[in-house]
Amino acid sequence: MATYATGATTIGFSYGPMDWLHEYAWFISMSCMVLTLIVMSVFRTLEFVLKLRDDKRKAEAAERAEKEFRRRKTDRE
């Protein structure tokens, strides 16, 4: 417990929550960092998956356009 809290408790102000935060500050900061890393990796994975889908869609559209171009070219001949 913090020693500075004892004088303030006589006027009716408690530092209980601040003591808890002080005692568990390392755990809280590590938990926040781990949570941040998890959220970052989830969003990076989501970004990667969406990019793959977009690339696949663009490749399919290009393939359809090429087939259509070849079909029209053979129709003209």
PDB file of N, CA and C in Angstrom:
ATOM      1  N   MET A   1       0.840  -1.186   0.000  1.00  0.00           N
ATOM      2  CA  MET A   1       0.000   0.000   0.000  1.00  0.00           C
ATOM      3  C   MET A   1       0.884   1.247   0.000  1.00  0.00           C
ATOM      4  N   ALA A   2       0.354   2.276  -0.558  1.00  0.00           N
ATOM      5  CA  ALA A   2       1.124   3.519  -0.642  1.00  0.00           C
ATOM      6  C   ALA A   2       1.020   4.278   0.676  1.00  0.00           C
ATOM      7  N   THR A   3       2.119   4.850   1.095  1.00  0.00           N
ATOM      8  CA  THR A   3       2.134   5.555   2.381  1.00  0.00           C
ATOM      9  C   THR A   3       1.465   6.913   2.291  1.00  0.00           C
ATOM     10  N   TYR A   4       1.406   7.518   1.100  1.00  0.00           N
ATOM     11  CA  TYR A   4       0.819   8.846   0.980  1.00  0.00           C
ATOM     12  C   TYR A   4      -0.692   8.829   1.176  1.00  0.00           C
ATOM     13  N   ALA A   5      -1.308   7.660   1.126  1.00  0.00           N
ATOM     14  CA  ALA A   5      -2.762   7.587   1.239  1.00  0.00           C
ATOM     15  C   ALA A   5      -3.234   7.689   2.687  1.00  0.00           C
ATOM     16  N   THR A   6      -2.377   7.423   3.654  1.00  0.00           N
ATOM     17  CA  THR A   6      -2.840   7.373   5.041  1.00  0.00           C
ATOM     18  C   THR A   6      -3.247   8.741   5.552  1.00  0.00           C
ATOM     19  N   GLY A   7      -2.538   9.789   5.199  1.00  0.00           N
ATOM     20  CA  GLY A   7      -2.899  11.123   5.678  1.00  0.00           C
ATOM     21  C   GLY A   7      -4.192  11.618   5.066  1.00  0.00           C
ATOM     22  N   ALA A   8      -4.454  11.265   3.841  1.00  0.00           N
ATOM     23  CA  ALA A   8      -5.646  11.763   3.160  1.00  0.00           C
ATOM     24  C   ALA A   8      -6.903  11.044   3.623  1.00  0.00           C
ATOM     25  N   THR A   9      -6.774   9.843   4.161  1.00  0.00           N
ATOM     26  CA  THR A   9      -7.971   9.111   4.579  1.00  0.00           C
ATOM     27  C   THR A   9      -8.616   9.749   5.799  1.00  0.00           C
ATOM     28  N   THR A  10      -7.892  10.548   6.552  1.00  0.00           N
ATOM     29  CA  THR A  10      -8.485  11.176   7.739  1.00  0.00           C
ATOM     30  C   THR A  10      -9.510  12.229   7.362  1.00  0.00           C
ATOM     31  N   ILE A  11      -9.429  12.792   6.157  1.00  0.00           N
ATOM     32  CA  ILE A  11     -10.430  13.786   5.753  1.00  0.00           C
ATOM     33  C   ILE A  11     -11.546  13.139   4.927  1.00  0.00           C
ATOM     34  N   GLY A  12     -11.567  11.822   4.882  1.00  0.00           N
ATOM     35  CA  GLY A  12     -12.655  11.121   4.225  1.00  0.00           C
ATOM     36  C   GLY A  12     -12.418  10.811   2.761  1.00  0.00           C
ATOM     37  N   PHE A  13     -11.194  10.877   2.297  1.00  0.00           N
ATOM     38  CA  PHE A  13     -10.899  10.564   0.896  1.00  0.00           C
ATOM     39  C   PHE A  13     -10.068   9.299   0.847  1.00  0.00           C
ATOM     40  N   SER A  14     -10.525   8.310   0.116  1.00  0.00           N
ATOM     41  CA  SER A  14      -9.835   7.027   0.064  1.00  0.00           C
ATOM     42  C   SER A  14      -9.073   6.881  -1.243  1.00  0.00           C
ATOM     43  N   TYR A  15      -7.850   6.381  -1.156  1.00  0.00           N
ATOM     44  CA  TYR A  15      -7.033   6.115  -2.336  1.00  0.00           C
ATOM     45  C   TYR A  15      -7.042   4.629  -2.688  1.00  0.00           C
ATOM     46  N   GLY A  16      -8.042   3.911  -2.273  1.00  0.00           N
ATOM     47  CA  GLY A  16      -8.113   2.480  -2.528  1.00  0.00           C
ATOM     48  C   GLY A  16      -7.967   2.095  -3.992  1.00  0.00           C
ATOM     49  N   PRO A  17      -8.751   2.690  -4.886  1.00  0.00           N
ATOM     50  CA  PRO A  17      -8.601   2.340  -6.306  1.00  0.00           C
ATOM     51  C   PRO A  17      -7.218   2.680  -6.858  1.00  0.00           C
ATOM     52  N   MET A  18      -6.629   3.766  -6.383  1.00  0.00           N
ATOM     53  CA  MET A  18      -5.300   4.138  -6.863  1.00  0.00           C
ATOM     54  C   MET A  18      -4.257   3.137  -6.381  1.00  0.00           C
ATOM     55  N   ASP A  19      -4.442   2.612  -5.180  1.00  0.00           N
ATOM     56  CA  ASP A  19      -3.529   1.582  -4.691  1.00  0.00           C
ATOM     57  C   ASP A  19      -3.620   0.331  -5.553  1.00  0.00           C
ATOM     58  N   TRP A  20      -4.843  -0.051  -5.901  1.00  0.00           N
ATOM     59  CA  TRP A  20      -5.025  -1.231  -6.743  1.00  0.00           C
ATOM     60  C   TRP A  20      -4.355  -1.027  -8.099  1.00  0.00           C
ATOM     61  N   LEU A  21      -4.547   0.158  -8.690  1.00  0.00           N
ATOM     62  CA  LEU A  21      -3.917   0.446  -9.980  1.00  0.00           C
ATOM     63  C   LEU A  21      -2.400   0.429  -9.861  1.00  0.00           C
ATOM     64  N   HIS A  22      -1.898   0.957  -8.763  1.00  0.00           N
ATOM     65  CA  HIS A  22      -0.450   0.983  -8.573  1.00  0.00           C
ATOM     66  C   HIS A  22       0.114  -0.428  -8.407  1.00  0.00           C
ATOM     67  N   GLU A  23      -0.602  -1.268  -7.673  1.00  0.00           N
ATOM     68  CA  GLU A  23      -0.132  -2.629  -7.441  1.00  0.00           C
ATOM     69  C   GLU A  23      -0.143  -3.461  -8.717  1.00  0.00           C
ATOM     70  N   TYR A  24      -1.137  -3.263  -9.567  1.00  0.00           N
ATOM     71  CA  TYR A  24      -1.300  -4.095 -10.753  1.00  0.00           C
ATOM     72  C   TYR A  24      -0.975  -3.356 -12.056  1.00  0.00           C
ATOM     73  N   ALA A  25      -0.209  -2.286 -11.977  1.00  0.00           N
ATOM     74  CA  ALA A  25       0.098  -1.490 -13.172  1.00  0.00           C
ATOM     75  C   ALA A  25       0.840  -2.313 -14.215  1.00  0.00           C
ATOM     76  N   TRP A  26       1.790  -3.143 -13.804  1.00  0.00           N
ATOM     77  CA  TRP A  26       2.551  -3.945 -14.766  1.00  0.00           C
ATOM     78  C   TRP A  26       1.618  -4.915 -15.491  1.00  0.00           C
ATOM     79  N   PHE A  27       0.751  -5.577 -14.730  1.00  0.00           N
ATOM     80  CA  PHE A  27      -0.184  -6.528 -15.330  1.00  0.00           C
ATOM     81  C   PHE A  27      -1.156  -5.827 -16.275  1.00  0.00           C
ATOM     82  N   ILE A  28      -1.640  -4.657 -15.872  1.00  0.00           N
ATOM     83  CA  ILE A  28      -2.575  -3.909 -16.713  1.00  0.00           C
ATOM     84  C   ILE A  28      -1.896  -3.483 -18.009  1.00  0.00           C
ATOM     85  N   SER A  29      -0.680  -2.968 -17.927  1.00  0.00           N
ATOM     86  CA  SER A  29       0.003  -2.514 -19.138  1.00  0.00           C
ATOM     87  C   SER A  29       0.342  -3.686 -20.053  1.00  0.00           C
ATOM     88  N   MET A  30       0.765  -4.819 -19.483  1.00  0.00           N
ATOM     89  CA  MET A  30       1.050  -5.992 -20.318  1.00  0.00           C
ATOM     90  C   MET A  30      -0.231  -6.506 -20.981  1.00  0.00           C
ATOM     91  N   SER A  31      -1.325  -6.506 -20.251  1.00  0.00           N
ATOM     92  CA  SER A  31      -2.595  -6.951 -20.823  1.00  0.00           C
ATOM     93  C   SER A  31      -3.029  -6.042 -21.968  1.00  0.00           C
ATOM     94  N   CYS A  32      -2.845  -4.746 -21.795  1.00  0.00           N
ATOM     95  CA  CYS A  32      -3.198  -3.807 -22.866  1.00  0.00           C
ATOM     96  C   CYS A  32      -2.324  -4.026 -24.091  1.00  0.00           C
ATOM     97  N   MET A  33      -1.038  -4.286 -23.881  1.00  0.00           N
ATOM     98  CA  MET A  33      -0.152  -4.525 -25.023  1.00  0.00           C
ATOM     99  C   MET A  33      -0.528  -5.808 -25.750  1.00  0.00           C
ATOM    100  N   VAL A  34      -0.825  -6.856 -25.003  1.00  0.00           N
ATOM    101  CA  VAL A  34      -1.215  -8.124 -25.626  1.00  0.00           C
ATOM    102  C   VAL A  34      -2.531  -7.950 -26.381  1.00  0.00           C
ATOM    103  N   LEU A  35      -3.481  -7.264 -25.780  1.00  0.00           N
ATOM    104  CA  LEU A  35      -4.759  -7.016 -26.446  1.00  0.00           C
ATOM    105  C   LEU A  35      -4.557  -6.203 -27.724  1.00  0.00           C
ATOM    106  N   THR A  36      -3.666  -5.215 -27.671  1.00  0.00           N
ATOM    107  CA  THR A  36      -3.360  -4.419 -28.863  1.00  0.00           C
ATOM    108  C   THR A  36      -2.770  -5.292 -29.957  1.00  0.00           C
ATOM    109  N   LEU A  37      -1.846  -6.175 -29.598  1.00  0.00           N
ATOM    110  CA  LEU A  37      -1.251  -7.066 -30.598  1.00  0.00           C
ATOM    111  C   LEU A  37      -2.291  -8.001 -31.213  1.00  0.00           C
ATOM    112  N   ILE A  38      -3.200  -8.503 -30.384  1.00  0.00           N
ATOM    113  CA  ILE A  38      -4.247  -9.389 -30.892  1.00  0.00           C
ATOM    114  C   ILE A  38      -5.152  -8.638 -31.862  1.00  0.00           C
ATOM    115  N   VAL A  39      -5.577  -7.439 -31.481  1.00  0.00           N
ATOM    116  CA  VAL A  39      -6.453  -6.648 -32.353  1.00  0.00           C
ATOM    117  C   VAL A  39      -5.738  -6.296 -33.654  1.00  0.00           C
ATOM    118  N   MET A  40      -4.452  -5.927 -33.563  1.00  0.00           N
ATOM    119  CA  MET A  40      -3.689  -5.608 -34.776  1.00  0.00           C
ATOM    120  C   MET A  40      -3.597  -6.811 -35.700  1.00  0.00           C
ATOM    121  N   SER A  41      -3.322  -7.976 -35.136  1.00  0.00           N
ATOM    122  CA  SER A  41      -3.192  -9.163 -35.988  1.00  0.00           C
ATOM    123  C   SER A  41      -4.533  -9.553 -36.605  1.00  0.00           C
ATOM    124  N   VAL A  42      -5.625  -9.370 -35.888  1.00  0.00           N
ATOM    125  CA  VAL A  42      -6.945  -9.661 -36.456  1.00  0.00           C
ATOM    126  C   VAL A  42      -7.225  -8.737 -37.635  1.00  0.00           C
ATOM    127  N   PHE A  43      -6.945  -7.444 -37.476  1.00  0.00           N
ATOM    128  CA  PHE A  43      -7.203  -6.513 -38.564  1.00  0.00           C
ATOM    129  C   PHE A  43      -6.262  -6.735 -39.740  1.00  0.00           C
ATOM    130  N   ARG A  44      -5.014  -7.101 -39.475  1.00  0.00           N
ATOM    131  CA  ARG A  44      -4.093  -7.397 -40.581  1.00  0.00           C
ATOM    132  C   ARG A  44      -4.551  -8.639 -41.342  1.00  0.00           C
ATOM    133  N   THR A  45      -5.018  -9.648 -40.614  1.00  0.00           N
ATOM    134  CA  THR A  45      -5.529 -10.849 -41.269  1.00  0.00           C
ATOM    135  C   THR A  45      -6.758 -10.522 -42.103  1.00  0.00           C
ATOM    136  N   LEU A  46      -7.650  -9.721 -41.545  1.00  0.00           N
ATOM    137  CA  LEU A  46      -8.839  -9.307 -42.285  1.00  0.00           C
ATOM    138  C   LEU A  46      -8.454  -8.531 -43.544  1.00  0.00           C
ATOM    139  N   GLU A  47      -7.495  -7.631 -43.414  1.00  0.00           N
ATOM    140  CA  GLU A  47      -7.031  -6.864 -44.571  1.00  0.00           C
ATOM    141  C   GLU A  47      -6.452  -7.790 -45.639  1.00  0.00           C
ATOM    142  N   PHE A  48      -5.672  -8.775 -45.220  1.00  0.00           N
ATOM    143  CA  PHE A  48      -5.061  -9.720 -46.155  1.00  0.00           C
ATOM    144  C   PHE A  48      -6.126 -10.540 -46.879  1.00  0.00           C
ATOM    145  N   VAL A  49      -7.112 -11.033 -46.135  1.00  0.00           N
ATOM    146  CA  VAL A  49      -8.175 -11.846 -46.735  1.00  0.00           C
ATOM    147  C   VAL A  49      -8.980 -11.016 -47.728  1.00  0.00           C
ATOM    148  N   LEU A  50      -9.308  -9.786 -47.352  1.00  0.00           N
ATOM    149  CA  LEU A  50     -10.067  -8.934 -48.267  1.00  0.00           C
ATOM    150  C   LEU A  50      -9.262  -8.597 -49.514  1.00  0.00           C
ATOM    151  N   LYS A  51      -7.956  -8.411 -49.366  1.00  0.00           N
ATOM    152  CA  LYS A  51      -7.107  -8.141 -50.527  1.00  0.00           C
ATOM    153  C   LYS A  51      -7.059  -9.361 -51.443  1.00  0.00           C
ATOM    154  N   LEU A  52      -6.957 -10.557 -50.874  1.00  0.00           N
ATOM    155  CA  LEU A  52      -6.973 -11.768 -51.695  1.00  0.00           C
ATOM    156  C   LEU A  52      -8.282 -11.902 -52.471  1.00  0.00           C
ATOM    157  N   ARG A  53      -9.394 -11.631 -51.800  1.00  0.00           N
ATOM    158  CA  ARG A  53     -10.689 -11.709 -52.484  1.00  0.00           C
ATOM    159  C   ARG A  53     -10.774 -10.687 -53.613  1.00  0.00           C
ATOM    160  N   ASP A  54     -10.285  -9.477 -53.351  1.00  0.00           N
ATOM    161  CA  ASP A  54     -10.318  -8.433 -54.370  1.00  0.00           C
ATOM    162  C   ASP A  54      -9.441  -8.807 -55.562  1.00  0.00           C
ATOM    163  N   ASP A  55      -8.250  -9.343 -55.283  1.00  0.00           N
ATOM    164  CA  ASP A  55      -7.361  -9.769 -56.369  1.00  0.00           C
ATOM    165  C   ASP A  55      -8.001 -10.886 -57.189  1.00  0.00           C
ATOM    166  N   LYS A  56      -8.654 -11.816 -56.502  1.00  0.00           N
ATOM    167  CA  LYS A  56      -9.319 -12.917 -57.204  1.00  0.00           C
ATOM    168  C   LYS A  56     -10.447 -12.387 -58.084  1.00  0.00           C
ATOM    169  N   ARG A  57     -11.216 -11.448 -57.550  1.00  0.00           N
ATOM    170  CA  ARG A  57     -12.319 -10.861 -58.315  1.00  0.00           C
ATOM    171  C   ARG A  57     -11.787 -10.119 -59.542  1.00  0.00           C
ATOM    172  N   LYS A  58     -10.699  -9.366 -59.366  1.00  0.00           N
ATOM    173  CA  LYS A  58     -10.112  -8.642 -60.502  1.00  0.00           C
ATOM    174  C   LYS A  58      -9.571  -9.606 -61.552  1.00  0.00           C
ATOM    175  N   ALA A  59      -8.958 -10.696 -61.119  1.00  0.00           N
ATOM    176  CA  ALA A  59      -8.427 -11.680 -62.067  1.00  0.00           C
ATOM    177  C   ALA A  59      -9.562 -12.338 -62.848  1.00  0.00           C
ATOM    178  N   GLU A  60     -10.660 -12.655 -62.163  1.00  0.00           N
ATOM    179  CA  GLU A  60     -11.806 -13.249 -62.852  1.00  0.00           C
ATOM    180  C   GLU A  60     -12.417 -12.263 -63.841  1.00  0.00           C
ATOM    181  N   ALA A  61     -12.491 -10.995 -63.470  1.00  0.00           N
ATOM    182  CA  ALA A  61     -13.037  -9.984 -64.379  1.00  0.00           C
ATOM    183  C   ALA A  61     -12.139  -9.819 -65.597  1.00  0.00           C
ATOM    184  N   ALA A  62     -10.826  -9.838 -65.396  1.00  0.00           N
ATOM    185  CA  ALA A  62      -9.896  -9.727 -66.524  1.00  0.00           C
ATOM    186  C   ALA A  62     -10.013 -10.940 -67.442  1.00  0.00           C
ATOM    187  N   GLU A  63     -10.183 -12.107 -66.855  1.00  0.00           N
ATOM    188  CA  GLU A  63     -10.335 -13.327 -67.656  1.00  0.00           C
ATOM    189  C   GLU A  63     -11.625 -13.284 -68.479  1.00  0.00           C
ATOM    190  N   ARG A  64     -12.715 -12.830 -67.863  1.00  0.00           N
ATOM    191  CA  ARG A  64     -13.978 -12.697 -68.597  1.00  0.00           C
ATOM    192  C   ARG A  64     -13.853 -11.681 -69.727  1.00  0.00           C
ATOM    193  N   ALA A  65     -13.169 -10.570 -69.455  1.00  0.00           N
ATOM    194  CA  ALA A  65     -12.987  -9.548 -70.489  1.00  0.00           C
ATOM    195  C   ALA A  65     -12.147 -10.088 -71.640  1.00  0.00           C
ATOM    196  N   GLU A  66     -11.123 -10.861 -71.321  1.00  0.00           N
ATOM    197  CA  GLU A  66     -10.283 -11.434 -72.376  1.00  0.00           C
ATOM    198  C   GLU A  66     -11.070 -12.442 -73.215  1.00  0.00           C
ATOM    199  N   LYS A  67     -11.888 -13.265 -72.569  1.00  0.00           N
ATOM    200  CA  LYS A  67     -12.724 -14.221 -73.311  1.00  0.00           C
ATOM    201  C   LYS A  67     -13.708 -13.488 -74.218  1.00  0.00           C
ATOM    202  N   GLU A  68     -14.311 -12.435 -73.685  1.00  0.00           N
ATOM    203  CA  GLU A  68     -15.250 -11.645 -74.480  1.00  0.00           C
ATOM    204  C   GLU A  68     -14.542 -10.999 -75.669  1.00  0.00           C
ATOM    205  N   PHE A  69     -13.335 -10.489 -75.461  1.00  0.00           N
ATOM    206  CA  PHE A  69     -12.558  -9.882 -76.545  1.00  0.00           C
ATOM    207  C   PHE A  69     -12.235 -10.914 -77.620  1.00  0.00           C
ATOM    208  N   ARG A  70     -11.810 -12.105 -77.203  1.00  0.00           N
ATOM    209  CA  ARG A  70     -11.491 -13.161 -78.175  1.00  0.00           C
ATOM    210  C   ARG A  70     -12.737 -13.611 -78.938  1.00  0.00           C
ATOM    211  N   ARG A  71     -13.875 -13.687 -78.236  1.00  0.00           N
ATOM    212  CA  ARG A  71     -15.119 -14.089 -78.889  1.00  0.00           C
ATOM    213  C   ARG A  71     -15.520 -13.065 -79.945  1.00  0.00           C
ATOM    214  N   ARG A  72     -15.431 -11.794 -79.596  1.00  0.00           N
ATOM    215  CA  ARG A  72     -15.779 -10.750 -80.564  1.00  0.00           C
ATOM    216  C   ARG A  72     -14.801 -10.736 -81.737  1.00  0.00           C
ATOM    217  N   LYS A  73     -13.531 -11.007 -81.434  1.00  0.00           N
ATOM    218  CA  LYS A  73     -12.519 -11.024 -82.496  1.00  0.00           C
ATOM    219  C   LYS A  73     -12.801 -12.156 -83.486  1.00  0.00           C
ATOM    220  N   THR A  74     -13.178 -13.326 -82.969  1.00  0.00           N
ATOM    221  CA  THR A  74     -13.481 -14.455 -83.863  1.00  0.00           C
ATOM    222  C   THR A  74     -14.793 -14.232 -84.601  1.00  0.00           C
ATOM    223  N   ASP A  75     -15.731 -13.494 -83.984  1.00  0.00           N
ATOM    224  CA  ASP A  75     -16.989 -13.194 -84.671  1.00  0.00           C
ATOM    225  C   ASP A  75     -16.761 -12.290 -85.873  1.00  0.00           C
ATOM    226  N   ARG A  76     -15.798 -11.394 -85.800  1.00  0.00           N
ATOM    227  CA  ARG A  76     -15.505 -10.469 -86.892  1.00  0.00           C
ATOM    228  C   ARG A  76     -14.852 -11.181 -88.068  1.00  0.00           C
ATOM    229  N   GLU A  77     -14.120 -12.237 -87.781  1.00  0.00           N
ATOM    230  CA  GLU A  77     -13.384 -12.925 -88.851  1.00  0.00           C
ATOM    231  C   GLU A  77     -14.219 -13.846 -89.633  1.00  0.00           C
TER     232      GLU A  77
END
